């Protein structure tokens, strides 16, 4: 069965006052795919995510979610189709976790409506999906960074989106919590969720990605299946250092590592 086309990014560009952040970015995704967006600091990865989410208006090009142009959609309509998880903010209000996740149901409520039993059930299921339902009675500001990130993902899932956008979801997390987040991404993808994920770590694409996008100098350098993008030549060009990609037979996957002062 042909998978549904979830996201189409066509010739997208975004500019601040001083000039373009990026331009002519195009790619598409089907159901259950994970797109890893790679590139150095300041290249526009977070800006790209915000353009897809409808937070920023692109200078040129278009974004279509399930065939509908986001520039013709209301913010509420976009929120029913797109779940957005920003980079973590350490400043949080002391909401109870379950109450916070229920806020993800807002796009599905009327202007003065309150969450009903069905909304509470969806919020609880979202917590179960990411494995943190045991935190439902805790307050947000009592959680660890890894726990809080899972709760943020649960809130986005409560929107019941077709597309999940994760902006540096492993930033500021320790190694163990990074793995937990990546395992959650894999689980969601296996369930049919389409995910765009920004990351500074090329290895994350090997761990969870179906496809990858490499941005550098405001341009799309490469786009396609992960092995065609995360290779020594492309990653060296993206990050401006010598990089090598090696097969590790013991774990049956590839890894991307810097060469350092030695030769690759």
C-alpha atoms as a PDB file:
ATOM      1  CA  UNK A   1       0.000   0.000   0.000  1.00  0.00           C
ATOM      2  CA  UNK A   2       1.318   3.438  -0.953  1.00  0.00           C
ATOM      3  CA  UNK A   3       2.171   5.544   2.094  1.00  0.00           C
ATOM      4  CA  UNK A   4       0.502   8.936   2.452  1.00  0.00           C
ATOM      5  CA  UNK A   5       2.560  11.993   1.556  1.00  0.00           C
ATOM      6  CA  UNK A   6       2.644  13.937   4.828  1.00  0.00           C
ATOM      7  CA  UNK A   7       5.039  16.845   4.262  1.00  0.00           C
ATOM      8  CA  UNK A   8       6.143  18.709   1.143  1.00  0.00           C
ATOM      9  CA  UNK A   9       8.684  21.511   1.461  1.00  0.00           C
ATOM     10  CA  UNK A  10       9.101  23.247  -1.894  1.00  0.00           C
ATOM     11  CA  UNK A  11      11.823  25.844  -2.638  1.00  0.00           C
ATOM     12  CA  UNK A  12      11.532  27.240   0.886  1.00  0.00           C
ATOM     13  CA  UNK A  13      13.450  30.386   1.863  1.00  0.00           C
ATOM     14  CA  UNK A  14      13.567  32.570   4.950  1.00  0.00           C
ATOM     15  CA  UNK A  15      15.212  35.943   5.490  1.00  0.00           C
ATOM     16  CA  UNK A  16      15.963  38.221   8.397  1.00  0.00           C
ATOM     17  CA  UNK A  17      16.715  41.911   7.837  1.00  0.00           C
ATOM     18  CA  UNK A  18      20.327  41.348   6.803  1.00  0.00           C
ATOM     19  CA  UNK A  19      19.666  38.702   4.209  1.00  0.00           C
ATOM     20  CA  UNK A  20      18.638  35.074   3.669  1.00  0.00           C
ATOM     21  CA  UNK A  21      19.021  32.513   6.447  1.00  0.00           C
ATOM     22  CA  UNK A  22      18.447  29.739   3.934  1.00  0.00           C
ATOM     23  CA  UNK A  23      16.945  29.450   0.482  1.00  0.00           C
ATOM     24  CA  UNK A  24      15.753  26.878  -2.054  1.00  0.00           C
ATOM     25  CA  UNK A  25      15.189  24.064   0.463  1.00  0.00           C
ATOM     26  CA  UNK A  26      13.007  21.235  -0.857  1.00  0.00           C
ATOM     27  CA  UNK A  27      12.162  17.773   0.453  1.00  0.00           C
ATOM     28  CA  UNK A  28       9.152  15.570   1.144  1.00  0.00           C
ATOM     29  CA  UNK A  29       8.160  12.878   3.635  1.00  0.00           C
ATOM     30  CA  UNK A  30       5.711  10.010   3.807  1.00  0.00           C
ATOM     31  CA  UNK A  31       4.035   8.417   6.798  1.00  0.00           C
ATOM     32  CA  UNK A  32       6.385   6.796   9.320  1.00  0.00           C
ATOM     33  CA  UNK A  33       9.544   8.466   8.022  1.00  0.00           C
ATOM     34  CA  UNK A  34      12.091  10.345  10.132  1.00  0.00           C
ATOM     35  CA  UNK A  35      13.935  13.258   8.514  1.00  0.00           C
ATOM     36  CA  UNK A  36      17.089  14.339  10.361  1.00  0.00           C
ATOM     37  CA  UNK A  37      18.153  17.924   9.642  1.00  0.00           C
ATOM     38  CA  UNK A  38      21.914  18.340  10.011  1.00  0.00           C
ATOM     39  CA  UNK A  39      24.157  21.387   9.922  1.00  0.00           C
ATOM     40  CA  UNK A  40      26.374  23.678  12.009  1.00  0.00           C
ATOM     41  CA  UNK A  41      25.178  26.322  14.445  1.00  0.00           C
ATOM     42  CA  UNK A  42      23.476  29.298  12.824  1.00  0.00           C
ATOM     43  CA  UNK A  43      22.683  27.557   9.553  1.00  0.00           C
ATOM     44  CA  UNK A  44      18.919  27.841  10.058  1.00  0.00           C
ATOM     45  CA  UNK A  45      17.860  24.413  11.329  1.00  0.00           C
ATOM     46  CA  UNK A  46      15.559  25.800  14.023  1.00  0.00           C
ATOM     47  CA  UNK A  47      14.269  28.455  11.631  1.00  0.00           C
ATOM     48  CA  UNK A  48      13.398  25.748   9.117  1.00  0.00           C
ATOM     49  CA  UNK A  49      11.463  23.849  11.784  1.00  0.00           C
ATOM     50  CA  UNK A  50       9.549  27.028  12.709  1.00  0.00           C
ATOM     51  CA  UNK A  51       8.696  27.685   9.061  1.00  0.00           C
ATOM     52  CA  UNK A  52       7.297  24.156   8.741  1.00  0.00           C
ATOM     53  CA  UNK A  53       5.329  24.669  11.975  1.00  0.00           C
ATOM     54  CA  UNK A  54       3.805  27.895  10.649  1.00  0.00           C
ATOM     55  CA  UNK A  55       5.475  29.982  13.367  1.00  0.00           C
ATOM     56  CA  UNK A  56       7.591  31.880  10.813  1.00  0.00           C
ATOM     57  CA  UNK A  57       6.332  32.974   7.414  1.00  0.00           C
ATOM     58  CA  UNK A  58       8.754  31.977   4.652  1.00  0.00           C
ATOM     59  CA  UNK A  59      10.126  34.572   2.261  1.00  0.00           C
ATOM     60  CA  UNK A  60       9.542  32.207  -0.650  1.00  0.00           C
ATOM     61  CA  UNK A  61       8.388  28.693  -1.354  1.00  0.00           C
ATOM     62  CA  UNK A  62       5.715  26.642   0.348  1.00  0.00           C
ATOM     63  CA  UNK A  63       5.014  24.038   3.006  1.00  0.00           C
ATOM     64  CA  UNK A  64       2.176  21.553   2.512  1.00  0.00           C
ATOM     65  CA  UNK A  65       0.896  19.246   5.227  1.00  0.00           C
ATOM     66  CA  UNK A  66      -1.151  16.359   3.849  1.00  0.00           C
ATOM     67  CA  UNK A  67      -1.547  18.390   0.663  1.00  0.00           C
ATOM     68  CA  UNK A  68      -2.691  21.622   2.331  1.00  0.00           C
ATOM     69  CA  UNK A  69      -0.575  24.789   2.067  1.00  0.00           C
ATOM     70  CA  UNK A  70       0.193  26.075   5.572  1.00  0.00           C
ATOM     71  CA  UNK A  71      -0.027  29.687   4.376  1.00  0.00           C
ATOM     72  CA  UNK A  72      -3.748  29.178   3.718  1.00  0.00           C
ATOM     73  CA  UNK A  73      -4.336  27.502   7.099  1.00  0.00           C
ATOM     74  CA  UNK A  74      -5.146  29.017  10.474  1.00  0.00           C
ATOM     75  CA  UNK A  75      -2.768  28.404  13.370  1.00  0.00           C
ATOM     76  CA  UNK A  76      -5.414  26.161  14.940  1.00  0.00           C
ATOM     77  CA  UNK A  77      -5.707  24.072  11.783  1.00  0.00           C
ATOM     78  CA  UNK A  78      -1.937  23.671  11.619  1.00  0.00           C
ATOM     79  CA  UNK A  79      -1.845  22.633  15.286  1.00  0.00           C
ATOM     80  CA  UNK A  80      -4.260  19.792  14.528  1.00  0.00           C
ATOM     81  CA  UNK A  81      -1.811  18.401  11.990  1.00  0.00           C
ATOM     82  CA  UNK A  82       1.607  19.424  13.375  1.00  0.00           C
ATOM     83  CA  UNK A  83       3.059  18.866  16.839  1.00  0.00           C
ATOM     84  CA  UNK A  84       6.025  21.118  17.643  1.00  0.00           C
ATOM     85  CA  UNK A  85       8.508  20.492  20.472  1.00  0.00           C
ATOM     86  CA  UNK A  86      10.885  23.455  20.884  1.00  0.00           C
ATOM     87  CA  UNK A  87      14.334  23.343  22.401  1.00  0.00           C
ATOM     88  CA  UNK A  88      14.070  22.941  26.142  1.00  0.00           C
ATOM     89  CA  UNK A  89      13.475  26.008  28.262  1.00  0.00           C
ATOM     90  CA  UNK A  90      14.655  25.680  31.829  1.00  0.00           C
ATOM     91  CA  UNK A  91      12.073  28.216  33.035  1.00  0.00           C
ATOM     92  CA  UNK A  92       8.815  26.350  33.564  1.00  0.00           C
ATOM     93  CA  UNK A  93       5.649  26.995  35.536  1.00  0.00           C
ATOM     94  CA  UNK A  94       4.742  24.427  38.217  1.00  0.00           C
ATOM     95  CA  UNK A  95       1.940  22.795  36.229  1.00  0.00           C
ATOM     96  CA  UNK A  96       1.005  19.230  37.090  1.00  0.00           C
ATOM     97  CA  UNK A  97       2.286  16.969  34.312  1.00  0.00           C
ATOM     98  CA  UNK A  98      -1.131  15.635  33.280  1.00  0.00           C
ATOM     99  CA  UNK A  99      -2.637  19.133  33.198  1.00  0.00           C
ATOM    100  CA  UNK A 100       0.277  20.297  31.052  1.00  0.00           C
ATOM    101  CA  UNK A 101      -0.139  17.444  28.563  1.00  0.00           C
ATOM    102  CA  UNK A 102      -3.897  18.079  28.327  1.00  0.00           C
ATOM    103  CA  UNK A 103      -2.997  21.553  27.007  1.00  0.00           C
ATOM    104  CA  UNK A 104      -2.063  19.750  23.800  1.00  0.00           C
ATOM    105  CA  UNK A 105      -5.784  19.220  23.241  1.00  0.00           C
ATOM    106  CA  UNK A 106      -6.391  22.978  22.888  1.00  0.00           C
ATOM    107  CA  UNK A 107      -6.600  22.957  19.033  1.00  0.00           C
ATOM    108  CA  UNK A 108      -9.463  20.459  19.276  1.00  0.00           C
ATOM    109  CA  UNK A 109     -11.526  22.487  21.763  1.00  0.00           C
ATOM    110  CA  UNK A 110     -13.975  25.304  21.121  1.00  0.00           C
ATOM    111  CA  UNK A 111     -13.005  28.850  22.112  1.00  0.00           C
ATOM    112  CA  UNK A 112     -14.381  28.573  25.640  1.00  0.00           C
ATOM    113  CA  UNK A 113     -14.406  24.784  25.826  1.00  0.00           C
ATOM    114  CA  UNK A 114     -12.838  22.713  28.586  1.00  0.00           C
ATOM    115  CA  UNK A 115     -11.141  19.331  28.205  1.00  0.00           C
ATOM    116  CA  UNK A 116     -13.548  16.444  28.586  1.00  0.00           C
ATOM    117  CA  UNK A 117     -13.103  12.821  29.550  1.00  0.00           C
ATOM    118  CA  UNK A 118     -12.005  11.918  26.036  1.00  0.00           C
ATOM    119  CA  UNK A 119      -9.324  14.618  26.076  1.00  0.00           C
ATOM    120  CA  UNK A 120      -8.030  13.356  29.430  1.00  0.00           C
ATOM    121  CA  UNK A 121      -7.842   9.827  28.016  1.00  0.00           C
ATOM    122  CA  UNK A 122      -5.829  11.028  25.007  1.00  0.00           C
ATOM    123  CA  UNK A 123      -3.453  12.938  27.303  1.00  0.00           C
ATOM    124  CA  UNK A 124      -2.978   9.867  29.485  1.00  0.00           C
ATOM    125  CA  UNK A 125      -2.357   7.668  26.444  1.00  0.00           C
ATOM    126  CA  UNK A 126       0.254  10.183  25.221  1.00  0.00           C
ATOM    127  CA  UNK A 127       2.070   9.895  28.545  1.00  0.00           C
ATOM    128  CA  UNK A 128       1.928   6.108  28.279  1.00  0.00           C
ATOM    129  CA  UNK A 129       3.293   6.219  24.735  1.00  0.00           C
ATOM    130  CA  UNK A 130       6.490   7.933  25.891  1.00  0.00           C
ATOM    131  CA  UNK A 131       6.641   5.895  29.095  1.00  0.00           C
ATOM    132  CA  UNK A 132       6.167   8.631  31.712  1.00  0.00           C
ATOM    133  CA  UNK A 133       2.607   8.080  32.917  1.00  0.00           C
ATOM    134  CA  UNK A 134       4.034   7.499  36.415  1.00  0.00           C
ATOM    135  CA  UNK A 135       4.935  11.211  36.463  1.00  0.00           C
ATOM    136  CA  UNK A 136       1.367  12.404  35.905  1.00  0.00           C
ATOM    137  CA  UNK A 137       0.966  13.866  39.414  1.00  0.00           C
ATOM    138  CA  UNK A 138       4.404  15.492  39.529  1.00  0.00           C
ATOM    139  CA  UNK A 139       4.990  19.159  38.750  1.00  0.00           C
ATOM    140  CA  UNK A 140       7.014  20.172  35.714  1.00  0.00           C
ATOM    141  CA  UNK A 141       9.642  22.010  37.717  1.00  0.00           C
ATOM    142  CA  UNK A 142      10.316  18.890  39.813  1.00  0.00           C
ATOM    143  CA  UNK A 143      11.363  16.815  36.780  1.00  0.00           C
ATOM    144  CA  UNK A 144      14.798  16.070  35.410  1.00  0.00           C
ATOM    145  CA  UNK A 145      15.731  17.359  31.968  1.00  0.00           C
ATOM    146  CA  UNK A 146      15.103  13.980  30.362  1.00  0.00           C
ATOM    147  CA  UNK A 147      11.727  13.554  32.047  1.00  0.00           C
ATOM    148  CA  UNK A 148      10.673  17.046  31.032  1.00  0.00           C
ATOM    149  CA  UNK A 149      11.596  16.391  27.417  1.00  0.00           C
ATOM    150  CA  UNK A 150       9.420  13.279  27.389  1.00  0.00           C
ATOM    151  CA  UNK A 151       6.520  15.291  28.817  1.00  0.00           C
ATOM    152  CA  UNK A 152       6.961  17.940  26.108  1.00  0.00           C
ATOM    153  CA  UNK A 153       6.785  15.204  23.473  1.00  0.00           C
ATOM    154  CA  UNK A 154       3.679  13.781  25.163  1.00  0.00           C
ATOM    155  CA  UNK A 155       1.989  17.185  25.020  1.00  0.00           C
ATOM    156  CA  UNK A 156       2.684  17.374  21.270  1.00  0.00           C
ATOM    157  CA  UNK A 157       1.319  13.837  20.796  1.00  0.00           C
ATOM    158  CA  UNK A 158      -1.892  14.847  22.578  1.00  0.00           C
ATOM    159  CA  UNK A 159      -2.575  17.084  19.573  1.00  0.00           C
ATOM    160  CA  UNK A 160      -2.863  13.862  17.528  1.00  0.00           C
ATOM    161  CA  UNK A 161      -0.699  15.291  14.747  1.00  0.00           C
ATOM    162  CA  UNK A 162       0.278  13.687  11.470  1.00  0.00           C
ATOM    163  CA  UNK A 163       3.710  15.340  11.710  1.00  0.00           C
ATOM    164  CA  UNK A 164       5.948  15.807  14.748  1.00  0.00           C
ATOM    165  CA  UNK A 165       8.672  18.489  14.711  1.00  0.00           C
ATOM    166  CA  UNK A 166      11.513  18.098  17.232  1.00  0.00           C
ATOM    167  CA  UNK A 167      13.968  20.972  17.576  1.00  0.00           C
ATOM    168  CA  UNK A 168      17.209  19.569  19.047  1.00  0.00           C
ATOM    169  CA  UNK A 169      15.350  17.092  21.278  1.00  0.00           C
ATOM    170  CA  UNK A 170      18.533  15.729  22.865  1.00  0.00           C
ATOM    171  CA  UNK A 171      20.169  19.102  23.587  1.00  0.00           C
ATOM    172  CA  UNK A 172      21.358  19.503  27.207  1.00  0.00           C
ATOM    173  CA  UNK A 173      20.558  15.871  28.029  1.00  0.00           C
ATOM    174  CA  UNK A 174      23.007  13.328  29.400  1.00  0.00           C
ATOM    175  CA  UNK A 175      23.945  10.283  27.332  1.00  0.00           C
ATOM    176  CA  UNK A 176      21.335   7.988  28.854  1.00  0.00           C
ATOM    177  CA  UNK A 177      18.475  10.433  28.368  1.00  0.00           C
ATOM    178  CA  UNK A 178      19.587  11.100  24.804  1.00  0.00           C
ATOM    179  CA  UNK A 179      19.204   7.386  24.101  1.00  0.00           C
ATOM    180  CA  UNK A 180      15.742   7.345  25.704  1.00  0.00           C
ATOM    181  CA  UNK A 181      14.595  10.224  23.483  1.00  0.00           C
ATOM    182  CA  UNK A 182      15.988   8.550  20.361  1.00  0.00           C
ATOM    183  CA  UNK A 183      14.323   5.248  21.261  1.00  0.00           C
ATOM    184  CA  UNK A 184      11.042   7.147  21.629  1.00  0.00           C
ATOM    185  CA  UNK A 185      11.530   8.657  18.166  1.00  0.00           C
ATOM    186  CA  UNK A 186      12.040   5.162  16.739  1.00  0.00           C
ATOM    187  CA  UNK A 187       8.925   3.900  18.509  1.00  0.00           C
ATOM    188  CA  UNK A 188       6.784   6.757  17.201  1.00  0.00           C
ATOM    189  CA  UNK A 189       8.103   6.273  13.681  1.00  0.00           C
ATOM    190  CA  UNK A 190       7.305   2.555  13.820  1.00  0.00           C
ATOM    191  CA  UNK A 191       3.728   3.464  14.780  1.00  0.00           C
ATOM    192  CA  UNK A 192       3.387   5.560  11.595  1.00  0.00           C
ATOM    193  CA  UNK A 193       4.267   9.025  12.891  1.00  0.00           C
ATOM    194  CA  UNK A 194       6.262  11.262  10.524  1.00  0.00           C
ATOM    195  CA  UNK A 195       9.025  13.162  12.323  1.00  0.00           C
ATOM    196  CA  UNK A 196      11.383  15.996  11.406  1.00  0.00           C
ATOM    197  CA  UNK A 197      14.237  16.215  13.898  1.00  0.00           C
ATOM    198  CA  UNK A 198      17.047  18.765  14.090  1.00  0.00           C
ATOM    199  CA  UNK A 199      20.275  17.459  15.555  1.00  0.00           C
ATOM    200  CA  UNK A 200      23.935  18.405  15.853  1.00  0.00           C
ATOM    201  CA  UNK A 201      24.928  14.725  15.865  1.00  0.00           C
ATOM    202  CA  UNK A 202      25.194  12.978  12.476  1.00  0.00           C
ATOM    203  CA  UNK A 203      25.137   9.628  14.299  1.00  0.00           C
ATOM    204  CA  UNK A 204      21.524  10.291  15.273  1.00  0.00           C
ATOM    205  CA  UNK A 205      20.578   9.941  11.627  1.00  0.00           C
ATOM    206  CA  UNK A 206      22.033   6.423  11.576  1.00  0.00           C
ATOM    207  CA  UNK A 207      20.173   5.583  14.792  1.00  0.00           C
ATOM    208  CA  UNK A 208      16.680   6.838  13.910  1.00  0.00           C
ATOM    209  CA  UNK A 209      16.588   8.452  10.468  1.00  0.00           C
ATOM    210  CA  UNK A 210      14.979   7.285   7.250  1.00  0.00           C
ATOM    211  CA  UNK A 211      16.340  10.307   5.396  1.00  0.00           C
ATOM    212  CA  UNK A 212      18.529  13.300   6.120  1.00  0.00           C
ATOM    213  CA  UNK A 213      18.953  16.906   5.026  1.00  0.00           C
ATOM    214  CA  UNK A 214      22.327  18.661   5.223  1.00  0.00           C
ATOM    215  CA  UNK A 215      22.354  22.471   5.336  1.00  0.00           C
ATOM    216  CA  UNK A 216      25.419  24.670   5.004  1.00  0.00           C
ATOM    217  CA  UNK A 217      25.955  28.285   4.006  1.00  0.00           C
ATOM    218  CA  UNK A 218      22.216  28.873   3.697  1.00  0.00           C
ATOM    219  CA  UNK A 219      21.896  26.166   1.072  1.00  0.00           C
ATOM    220  CA  UNK A 220      20.674  22.607   0.871  1.00  0.00           C
ATOM    221  CA  UNK A 221      23.863  20.621   0.305  1.00  0.00           C
ATOM    222  CA  UNK A 222      22.363  17.143   0.280  1.00  0.00           C
ATOM    223  CA  UNK A 223      19.031  15.393   0.806  1.00  0.00           C
ATOM    224  CA  UNK A 224      18.073  11.745   0.607  1.00  0.00           C
ATOM    225  CA  UNK A 225      18.453   8.390   2.347  1.00  0.00           C
ATOM    226  CA  UNK A 226      20.748   8.644   5.359  1.00  0.00           C
ATOM    227  CA  UNK A 227      23.762   6.795   3.823  1.00  0.00           C
ATOM    228  CA  UNK A 228      23.726   9.121   0.801  1.00  0.00           C
ATOM    229  CA  UNK A 229      23.887  12.214   3.042  1.00  0.00           C
ATOM    230  CA  UNK A 230      25.868  11.138   6.109  1.00  0.00           C
ATOM    231  CA  UNK A 231      29.139  10.260   4.426  1.00  0.00           C
ATOM    232  CA  UNK A 232      32.699  11.456   4.910  1.00  0.00           C
ATOM    233  CA  UNK A 233      32.707  13.955   2.041  1.00  0.00           C
ATOM    234  CA  UNK A 234      29.365  15.619   2.806  1.00  0.00           C
ATOM    235  CA  UNK A 235      29.838  15.793   6.579  1.00  0.00           C
ATOM    236  CA  UNK A 236      33.352  17.226   6.160  1.00  0.00           C
ATOM    237  CA  UNK A 237      31.906  19.950   3.928  1.00  0.00           C
ATOM    238  CA  UNK A 238      29.025  20.658   6.331  1.00  0.00           C
ATOM    239  CA  UNK A 239      31.082  20.958   9.509  1.00  0.00           C
ATOM    240  CA  UNK A 240      34.373  22.236   8.086  1.00  0.00           C
ATOM    241  CA  UNK A 241      36.470  19.480   9.658  1.00  0.00           C
ATOM    242  CA  UNK A 242      37.788  16.128   8.513  1.00  0.00           C
ATOM    243  CA  UNK A 243      35.152  13.490   9.224  1.00  0.00           C
ATOM    244  CA  UNK A 244      35.036   9.788   8.538  1.00  0.00           C
ATOM    245  CA  UNK A 245      32.121   7.356   8.412  1.00  0.00           C
ATOM    246  CA  UNK A 246      32.924   3.778   9.355  1.00  0.00           C
ATOM    247  CA  UNK A 247      31.004   0.506   9.530  1.00  0.00           C
ATOM    248  CA  UNK A 248      31.081  -1.079  12.983  1.00  0.00           C
ATOM    249  CA  UNK A 249      30.350  -4.761  12.502  1.00  0.00           C
ATOM    250  CA  UNK A 250      29.821  -5.484  16.214  1.00  0.00           C
ATOM    251  CA  UNK A 251      26.754  -3.231  16.326  1.00  0.00           C
ATOM    252  CA  UNK A 252      25.807  -3.619  12.656  1.00  0.00           C
ATOM    253  CA  UNK A 253      25.628   0.079  11.842  1.00  0.00           C
ATOM    254  CA  UNK A 254      27.688   3.032  10.728  1.00  0.00           C
ATOM    255  CA  UNK A 255      29.164   5.772  12.887  1.00  0.00           C
ATOM    256  CA  UNK A 256      30.338   9.281  11.998  1.00  0.00           C
ATOM    257  CA  UNK A 257      33.398  10.532  13.853  1.00  0.00           C
ATOM    258  CA  UNK A 258      35.831  13.464  13.517  1.00  0.00           C
ATOM    259  CA  UNK A 259      39.362  12.595  12.494  1.00  0.00           C
ATOM    260  CA  UNK A 260      40.914  15.036  14.966  1.00  0.00           C
ATOM    261  CA  UNK A 261      44.602  15.768  14.494  1.00  0.00           C
ATOM    262  CA  UNK A 262      45.202  12.346  12.962  1.00  0.00           C
ATOM    263  CA  UNK A 263      44.462  11.102   9.481  1.00  0.00           C
ATOM    264  CA  UNK A 264      41.204   9.354   8.638  1.00  0.00           C
END
